[in-house]
Each structure stands twice: as C-alpha cells, then as structure tokens.
C-alpha atoms as a PDB file:
ATOM      1  CA  MET A   1       8.243  86.691   2.369  1.00  0.00           C
ATOM      2  CA  ASP A   2       8.906  88.920  -0.661  1.00  0.00           C
ATOM      3  CA  ILE A   3       9.159  92.686   0.177  1.00  0.00           C
ATOM      4  CA  LYS A   4       6.120  94.112  -1.222  1.00  0.00           C
ATOM      5  CA  LYS A   5       3.812  91.316   0.654  1.00  0.00           C
ATOM      6  CA  ARG A   6       5.894  92.052   4.405  1.00  0.00           C
ATOM      7  CA  ARG A   7       4.947  95.875   3.433  1.00  0.00           C
ATOM      8  CA  SER A   8       1.739  95.506   2.765  1.00  0.00           C
ATOM      9  CA  ILE A   9       1.312  93.851   6.245  1.00  0.00           C
ATOM     10  CA  GLU A  10       3.398  96.478   8.278  1.00  0.00           C
ATOM     11  CA  LYS A  11       1.397  98.919   6.177  1.00  0.00           C
ATOM     12  CA  GLU A  12      -1.796  97.163   7.420  1.00  0.00           C
ATOM     13  CA  LYS A  13      -0.329  97.023  10.732  1.00  0.00           C
ATOM     14  CA  MET A  14       0.244 100.661  10.880  1.00  0.00           C
ATOM     15  CA  LYS A  15      -3.467 101.493   9.884  1.00  0.00           C
ATOM     16  CA  HIS A  16      -4.693  99.087  12.682  1.00  0.00           C
ATOM     17  CA  LEU A  17      -2.777 100.675  14.905  1.00  0.00           C
ATOM     18  CA  ILE A  18      -4.322 104.475  13.775  1.00  0.00           C
ATOM     19  CA  LEU A  19      -7.484 103.295  13.673  1.00  0.00           C
ATOM     20  CA  ASN A  20      -7.264 102.139  17.560  1.00  0.00           C
ATOM     21  CA  ALA A  21      -5.892 105.142  18.873  1.00  0.00           C
ATOM     22  CA  SER A  22      -8.644 106.871  17.221  1.00  0.00           C
ATOM     23  CA  ILE A  23     -11.404 105.038  18.370  1.00  0.00           C
ATOM     24  CA  LYS A  24     -10.297 105.114  21.522  1.00  0.00           C
ATOM     25  CA  ILE A  25      -9.344 108.700  21.580  1.00  0.00           C
ATOM     26  CA  ILE A  26     -12.809 110.011  20.126  1.00  0.00           C
ATOM     27  CA  ASN A  27     -14.763 107.878  22.906  1.00  0.00           C
ATOM     28  CA  LYS A  28     -13.191 109.004  25.303  1.00  0.00           C
ATOM     29  CA  ASP A  29     -12.767 112.827  24.190  1.00  0.00           C
ATOM     30  CA  GLY A  30     -15.560 112.979  21.439  1.00  0.00           C
ATOM     31  CA  PHE A  31     -14.727 112.878  17.487  1.00  0.00           C
ATOM     32  CA  ASP A  32     -13.642 117.370  17.200  1.00  0.00           C
ATOM     33  CA  SER A  33     -10.757 116.693  19.755  1.00  0.00           C
ATOM     34  CA  LEU A  34      -9.440 113.955  17.607  1.00  0.00           C
ATOM     35  CA  SER A  35      -6.357 114.658  16.068  1.00  0.00           C
ATOM     36  CA  MET A  36      -3.233 113.942  13.758  1.00  0.00           C
ATOM     37  CA  ARG A  37      -0.643 114.906  17.273  1.00  0.00           C
ATOM     38  CA  LYS A  38      -3.404 112.815  19.917  1.00  0.00           C
ATOM     39  CA  ILE A  39      -2.896 109.707  17.743  1.00  0.00           C
ATOM     40  CA  ALA A  40       0.626 109.934  17.158  1.00  0.00           C
ATOM     41  CA  ASP A  41       1.775 111.035  20.915  1.00  0.00           C
ATOM     42  CA  LEU A  42      -0.596 107.605  21.805  1.00  0.00           C
ATOM     43  CA  ILE A  43       0.666 105.009  19.198  1.00  0.00           C
ATOM     44  CA  GLY A  44       4.701 106.593  19.520  1.00  0.00           C
ATOM     45  CA  TYR A  45       4.872 108.643  16.213  1.00  0.00           C
ATOM     46  CA  SER A  46       5.172 111.316  14.436  1.00  0.00           C
ATOM     47  CA  PRO A  47       2.278 113.159  13.380  1.00  0.00           C
ATOM     48  CA  THR A  48       4.227 113.574   9.841  1.00  0.00           C
ATOM     49  CA  THR A  49       3.948 109.090   9.690  1.00  0.00           C
ATOM     50  CA  ILE A  50       0.055 109.255  10.473  1.00  0.00           C
ATOM     51  CA  TYR A  51       0.175 111.059   7.413  1.00  0.00           C
ATOM     52  CA  ILE A  52       0.859 109.000   5.493  1.00  0.00           C
ATOM     53  CA  TYR A  53      -1.875 106.391   5.740  1.00  0.00           C
ATOM     54  CA  TYR A  54      -4.126 108.703   6.435  1.00  0.00           C
ATOM     55  CA  GLU A  55      -4.546 112.752   5.469  1.00  0.00           C
ATOM     56  CA  ASN A  56      -6.863 113.481   7.224  1.00  0.00           C
ATOM     57  CA  LYS A  57      -9.333 112.741  10.641  1.00  0.00           C
ATOM     58  CA  ALA A  58     -12.549 112.139   7.561  1.00  0.00           C
ATOM     59  CA  GLN A  59     -10.643 109.269   5.680  1.00  0.00           C
ATOM     60  CA  ILE A  60     -10.045 107.460   9.735  1.00  0.00           C
ATOM     61  CA  ALA A  61     -13.482 107.454   9.772  1.00  0.00           C
ATOM     62  CA  THR A  62     -14.509 106.036   6.750  1.00  0.00           C
ATOM     63  CA  ASP A  63     -12.333 103.374   7.379  1.00  0.00           C
ATOM     64  CA  ILE A  64     -13.925 102.512  11.195  1.00  0.00           C
ATOM     65  CA  GLY A  65     -17.035 101.931   9.158  1.00  0.00           C
ATOM     66  CA  ASN A  66     -16.017  99.969   6.124  1.00  0.00           C
ATOM     67  CA  GLU A  67     -14.425  97.849   8.634  1.00  0.00           C
ATOM     68  CA  ILE A  68     -17.083  97.801  10.404  1.00  0.00           C
ATOM     69  CA  PHE A  69     -19.417  97.275   7.564  1.00  0.00           C
ATOM     70  CA  ASN A  70     -16.190  94.649   5.915  1.00  0.00           C
ATOM     71  CA  SER A  71     -17.023  92.737   8.928  1.00  0.00           C
ATOM     72  CA  ILE A  72     -20.790  92.202   8.614  1.00  0.00           C
ATOM     73  CA  ILE A  73     -20.259  91.206   4.844  1.00  0.00           C
ATOM     74  CA  ASN A  74     -17.803  88.522   5.639  1.00  0.00           C
ATOM     75  CA  ASP A  75     -19.627  87.491   8.746  1.00  0.00           C
ATOM     76  CA  ILE A  76     -23.203  86.662   6.342  1.00  0.00           C
ATOM     77  CA  SER A  77     -20.775  85.534   3.332  1.00  0.00           C
ATOM     78  CA  LYS A  78     -20.016  82.510   5.951  1.00  0.00           C
ATOM     79  CA  LEU A  79     -23.350  81.989   6.579  1.00  0.00           C
ATOM     80  CA  LEU A  80     -24.853  81.684   3.822  1.00  0.00           C
ATOM     81  CA  SER A  81     -21.976  79.371   2.423  1.00  0.00           C
ATOM     82  CA  LYS A  82     -22.175  77.511   5.595  1.00  0.00           C
ATOM     83  CA  GLN A  83     -26.414  76.703   5.222  1.00  0.00           C
ATOM     84  CA  PRO A  84     -26.465  76.428   1.451  1.00  0.00           C
ATOM     85  CA  ASP A  85     -29.657  74.801   2.526  1.00  0.00           C
ATOM     86  CA  LEU A  86     -31.667  77.527   3.346  1.00  0.00           C
ATOM     87  CA  THR A  87     -34.936  78.666   1.826  1.00  0.00           C
ATOM     88  CA  ILE A  88     -34.898  82.105   0.357  1.00  0.00           C
ATOM     89  CA  GLU A  89     -36.797  83.857   3.843  1.00  0.00           C
ATOM     90  CA  GLU A  90     -34.463  82.023   6.100  1.00  0.00           C
ATOM     91  CA  LYS A  91     -31.318  83.637   4.033  1.00  0.00           C
ATOM     92  CA  LEU A  92     -32.949  87.104   4.748  1.00  0.00           C
ATOM     93  CA  THR A  93     -33.652  86.572   8.071  1.00  0.00           C
ATOM     94  CA  GLU A  94     -31.024  84.916   9.320  1.00  0.00           C
ATOM     95  CA  SER A  95     -29.177  88.061   6.830  1.00  0.00           C
ATOM     96  CA  PHE A  96     -30.994  90.573   8.544  1.00  0.00           C
ATOM     97  CA  GLN A  97     -29.593  89.175  11.907  1.00  0.00           C
ATOM     98  CA  GLN A  98     -26.236  88.422  11.964  1.00  0.00           C
ATOM     99  CA  PHE A  99     -26.147  92.198  10.239  1.00  0.00           C
ATOM    100  CA  ILE A 100     -26.845  93.345  13.355  1.00  0.00           C
ATOM    101  CA  MET A 101     -24.719  91.369  15.894  1.00  0.00           C
ATOM    102  CA  SER A 102     -22.097  92.019  13.285  1.00  0.00           C
ATOM    103  CA  MET A 103     -22.784  95.282  13.361  1.00  0.00           C
ATOM    104  CA  THR A 104     -22.401  95.125  17.695  1.00  0.00           C
ATOM    105  CA  SER A 105     -20.631  92.775  17.972  1.00  0.00           C
ATOM    106  CA  HIS A 106     -17.710  96.032  18.050  1.00  0.00           C
ATOM    107  CA  PRO A 107     -19.600  98.736  20.250  1.00  0.00           C
ATOM    108  CA  GLU A 108     -16.475  99.999  20.970  1.00  0.00           C
ATOM    109  CA  MET A 109     -15.531 100.595  17.011  1.00  0.00           C
ATOM    110  CA  GLY A 110     -19.254 101.103  15.977  1.00  0.00           C
ATOM    111  CA  ARG A 111     -19.530 104.190  19.112  1.00  0.00           C
ATOM    112  CA  ALA A 112     -16.254 105.506  17.262  1.00  0.00           C
ATOM    113  CA  PHE A 113     -17.744 105.333  14.100  1.00  0.00           C
ATOM    114  CA  ILE A 114     -21.356 107.045  15.370  1.00  0.00           C
ATOM    115  CA  LYS A 115     -19.537 109.940  17.381  1.00  0.00           C
ATOM    116  CA  SER A 116     -17.462 111.139  13.825  1.00  0.00           C
ATOM    117  CA  GLY A 117     -21.081 111.551  12.232  1.00  0.00           C
ATOM    118  CA  THR A 118     -19.659 110.365   8.878  1.00  0.00           C
ATOM    119  CA  SER A 119     -21.809 107.653   6.714  1.00  0.00           C
ATOM    120  CA  GLY A 120     -18.820 106.012   5.909  1.00  0.00           C
ATOM    121  CA  MET A 121     -20.097 102.136   6.665  1.00  0.00           C
ATOM    122  CA  PHE A 122     -23.030 102.823   4.341  1.00  0.00           C
ATOM    123  CA  ARG A 123     -22.260 104.510   1.339  1.00  0.00           C
ATOM    124  CA  GLY A 124     -25.669 104.408  -0.182  1.00  0.00           C
ATOM    125  CA  LYS A 125     -26.890 103.145  -3.336  1.00  0.00           C
ATOM    126  CA  THR A 126     -23.602 102.079  -5.626  1.00  0.00           C
ATOM    127  CA  ASP A 127     -22.630  99.598  -7.792  1.00  0.00           C
ATOM    128  CA  ASP A 128     -20.094  98.300  -6.024  1.00  0.00           C
ATOM    129  CA  ASN A 129     -21.447  98.387  -2.903  1.00  0.00           C
ATOM    130  CA  GLN A 130     -21.186  94.695  -1.982  1.00  0.00           C
ATOM    131  CA  GLY A 131     -23.647  94.009   0.736  1.00  0.00           C
ATOM    132  CA  GLU A 132     -26.543  96.244  -1.092  1.00  0.00           C
ATOM    133  CA  ASN A 133     -25.719  93.655  -4.149  1.00  0.00           C
ATOM    134  CA  MET A 134     -26.036  91.017  -2.346  1.00  0.00           C
ATOM    135  CA  LEU A 135     -28.491  91.761  -0.403  1.00  0.00           C
ATOM    136  CA  HIS A 136     -30.681  92.723  -3.622  1.00  0.00           C
ATOM    137  CA  SER A 137     -29.774  89.310  -4.848  1.00  0.00           C
ATOM    138  CA  LEU A 138     -31.512  87.456  -2.265  1.00  0.00           C
ATOM    139  CA  LEU A 139     -34.783  90.139  -2.660  1.00  0.00           C
ATOM    140  CA  ILE A 140     -34.468  89.459  -6.111  1.00  0.00           C
ATOM    141  CA  GLU A 141     -35.028  85.681  -5.651  1.00  0.00           C
ATOM    142  CA  GLY A 142     -37.123  85.862  -3.276  1.00  0.00           C
ATOM    143  CA  TYR A 143     -39.543  88.349  -5.773  1.00  0.00           C
ATOM    144  CA  ALA A 144     -39.419  85.164  -8.589  1.00  0.00           C
ATOM    145  CA  GLN A 145     -39.978  82.647  -6.309  1.00  0.00           C
ATOM    146  CA  GLY A 146     -43.345  84.288  -5.289  1.00  0.00           C
ATOM    147  CA  ILE A 147     -42.164  84.875  -1.474  1.00  0.00           C
ATOM    148  CA  ILE A 148     -41.060  89.602  -1.147  1.00  0.00           C
ATOM    149  CA  LYS A 149     -42.947  91.869  -2.343  1.00  0.00           C
ATOM    150  CA  GLU A 150     -42.207  93.764  -6.092  1.00  0.00           C
ATOM    151  CA  VAL A 151     -38.249  95.010  -5.848  1.00  0.00           C
ATOM    152  CA  ASN A 152     -37.198  97.915  -7.257  1.00  0.00           C
ATOM    153  CA  ASP A 153     -33.547  99.717  -7.495  1.00  0.00           C
ATOM    154  CA  ASN A 154     -34.407 101.626  -3.846  1.00  0.00           C
ATOM    155  CA  SER A 155     -35.391  98.324  -2.099  1.00  0.00           C
ATOM    156  CA  SER A 156     -31.868  96.803  -0.927  1.00  0.00           C
ATOM    157  CA  TRP A 157     -30.787 100.553  -0.186  1.00  0.00           C
ATOM    158  CA  MET A 158     -33.964 100.532   2.447  1.00  0.00           C
ATOM    159  CA  ILE A 159     -33.757  98.282   4.059  1.00  0.00           C
ATOM    160  CA  LEU A 160     -29.463  98.440   4.780  1.00  0.00           C
ATOM    161  CA  THR A 161     -31.046 101.196   6.010  1.00  0.00           C
ATOM    162  CA  ALA A 162     -33.332  99.987   8.659  1.00  0.00           C
ATOM    163  CA  LEU A 163     -30.760  97.421   9.767  1.00  0.00           C
ATOM    164  CA  ILE A 164     -27.832 100.282  10.108  1.00  0.00           C
ATOM    165  CA  GLY A 165     -30.562 102.462  12.184  1.00  0.00           C
ATOM    166  CA  PHE A 166     -31.824  99.602  14.790  1.00  0.00           C
ATOM    167  CA  GLY A 167     -27.916  98.674  14.948  1.00  0.00           C
ATOM    168  CA  MET A 168     -26.456 102.452  15.673  1.00  0.00           C
ATOM    169  CA  ASN A 169     -29.327 102.592  18.070  1.00  0.00           C
ATOM    170  CA  ALA A 170     -28.255  99.578  19.872  1.00  0.00           C
ATOM    171  CA  LEU A 171     -24.723 101.120  19.880  1.00  0.00           C
ATOM    172  CA  GLU A 172     -26.034 104.106  21.511  1.00  0.00           C
ATOM    173  CA  ASN A 173     -28.023 103.081  24.361  1.00  0.00           C
ATOM    174  CA  GLN A 174     -26.237  99.365  24.969  1.00  0.00           C
ATOM    175  CA  LEU A 175     -29.077  97.376  23.825  1.00  0.00           C
ATOM    176  CA  PHE A 176     -26.633  94.789  23.600  1.00  0.00           C
ATOM    177  CA  LEU A 177     -25.882  94.258  27.004  1.00  0.00           C
ATOM    178  CA  LEU A 178     -29.362  93.564  27.812  1.00  0.00           C
ATOM    179  CA  ASP A 179     -30.276  90.463  29.097  1.00  0.00           C
ATOM    180  CA  ASN A 180     -33.252  90.159  26.056  1.00  0.00           C
ATOM    181  CA  TRP A 181     -30.853  91.416  23.400  1.00  0.00           C
ATOM    182  CA  HIS A 182     -31.533  88.021  20.662  1.00  0.00           C
ATOM    183  CA  ASN A 183     -35.097  88.558  21.416  1.00  0.00           C
ATOM    184  CA  LEU A 184     -35.222  92.221  20.466  1.00  0.00           C
ATOM    185  CA  ILE A 185     -33.291  91.664  17.117  1.00  0.00           C
ATOM    186  CA  ALA A 186     -35.520  88.695  16.528  1.00  0.00           C
ATOM    187  CA  SER A 187     -38.726  91.005  16.924  1.00  0.00           C
ATOM    188  CA  PHE A 188     -36.940  93.432  14.582  1.00  0.00           C
ATOM    189  CA  VAL A 189     -36.183  91.445  11.969  1.00  0.00           C
ATOM    190  CA  ASP A 190     -39.569  89.303  11.827  1.00  0.00           C
ATOM    191  CA  ILE A 191     -41.152  93.130  11.635  1.00  0.00           C
ATOM    192  CA  LEU A 192     -38.438  93.830   8.637  1.00  0.00           C
ATOM    193  CA  MET A 193     -39.424  90.346   7.091  1.00  0.00           C
ATOM    194  CA  HIS A 194     -43.317  90.898   7.692  1.00  0.00           C
ATOM    195  CA  GLY A 195     -42.883  94.078   6.030  1.00  0.00           C
ATOM    196  CA  ILE A 196     -41.319  93.131   3.081  1.00  0.00           C
ATOM    197  CA  SER A 197     -43.032  89.463   2.490  1.00  0.00           C
ATOM    198  CA  LYS A 198     -46.422  89.195   0.469  1.00  0.00           C
END
C-alpha cells in the first residue's frame, strides 16, 4: 500500500473516531456541551489534533448527517440493483421503506444528529444531491408510465422531507423498538404512495 492510500485510510479512521466520540458526548450531555477538548479527552488526543480534521462542531454535526444520508443512499442503491425487475411502483415503495429502515438502523447516530439541530443530512435542493436525483428519476419514470401524478422541481424534495420527518420522529420516540415497527413503516409509505399515485 502506498503512502497516499495509507494516509487516506488513517484520516478516515481518525474522522470516525472523532464522530463516534462526538455521538457519545452529544447523546449524554447535549450538543451545546460538545467541544474539541471533550472529544480529545475521550479519544486520548490533543484538541489541536481534532482541529486538523474539523474546524468546529457544526462540521462534525454535518458529517454525522452525511454519514446517515450516505448510508441510506447506498442501501437503496443496493436494494434496487438486486431487484432490477421491480415495477416503478414497487421501486418507489421499496425505496421509501428502505430509507426509513436505514435512517433508523443507527439510532445513537440518528439521535445525535437530531440533538445537533443542524440540517446536514438534508441539504435541500442542489444539483449534486444524489438521493434527490435518484428519487426524481424514479418519479419521472413513474410519471412517464402514467402511474405517478405530475412531477415538478419540488416533488422529490417534498417526499424526502416527509421521509426524514418520519424517521426523525421514529428516532426521537424510539418507535423502531415497537413490535409493529414494520407495520408502521408500511402504513406511512402506503399513505405517501397514495398521495403521489394517479
């Protein structure tokens, strides 16, 4: 392994160490109490080392959100690639369900993100938002097939907002621990699908 690759791996390991420590601190004491010194003390490094990776705690919160969102997108991409013969309605339904399952699969990280009060996981409508672009493509395909109502520039943004809201509520209230959790997801997705279907 060359030096550049090794440094890249070490940098990712260090960032994960910082994020995991931050998640513990946020969930125990709240986001306001998060500091570079507390993180450094928890992982056995100096605060100066932490500043090499993050300028401030807002960047840490954004990265926590990005970790969750990237995990969601990867899970949905894998799901769809394993089942290429799904109808567009099935693709949307499966994607929505997987979104919620993935978002709530790391509850400590999710709760820390909520407590941070930032919007790093959902950056709004941007050209490079992979999740929104993927969803928009599915909606366009559904509209072309006459299954989905008319799609506009805000359609995917609104649906993602609904999914994130449901996921955040589930994390905050620990709904994912309920025996009927999968039924709750199915009911929510059914309502969502009903709203966008012709």
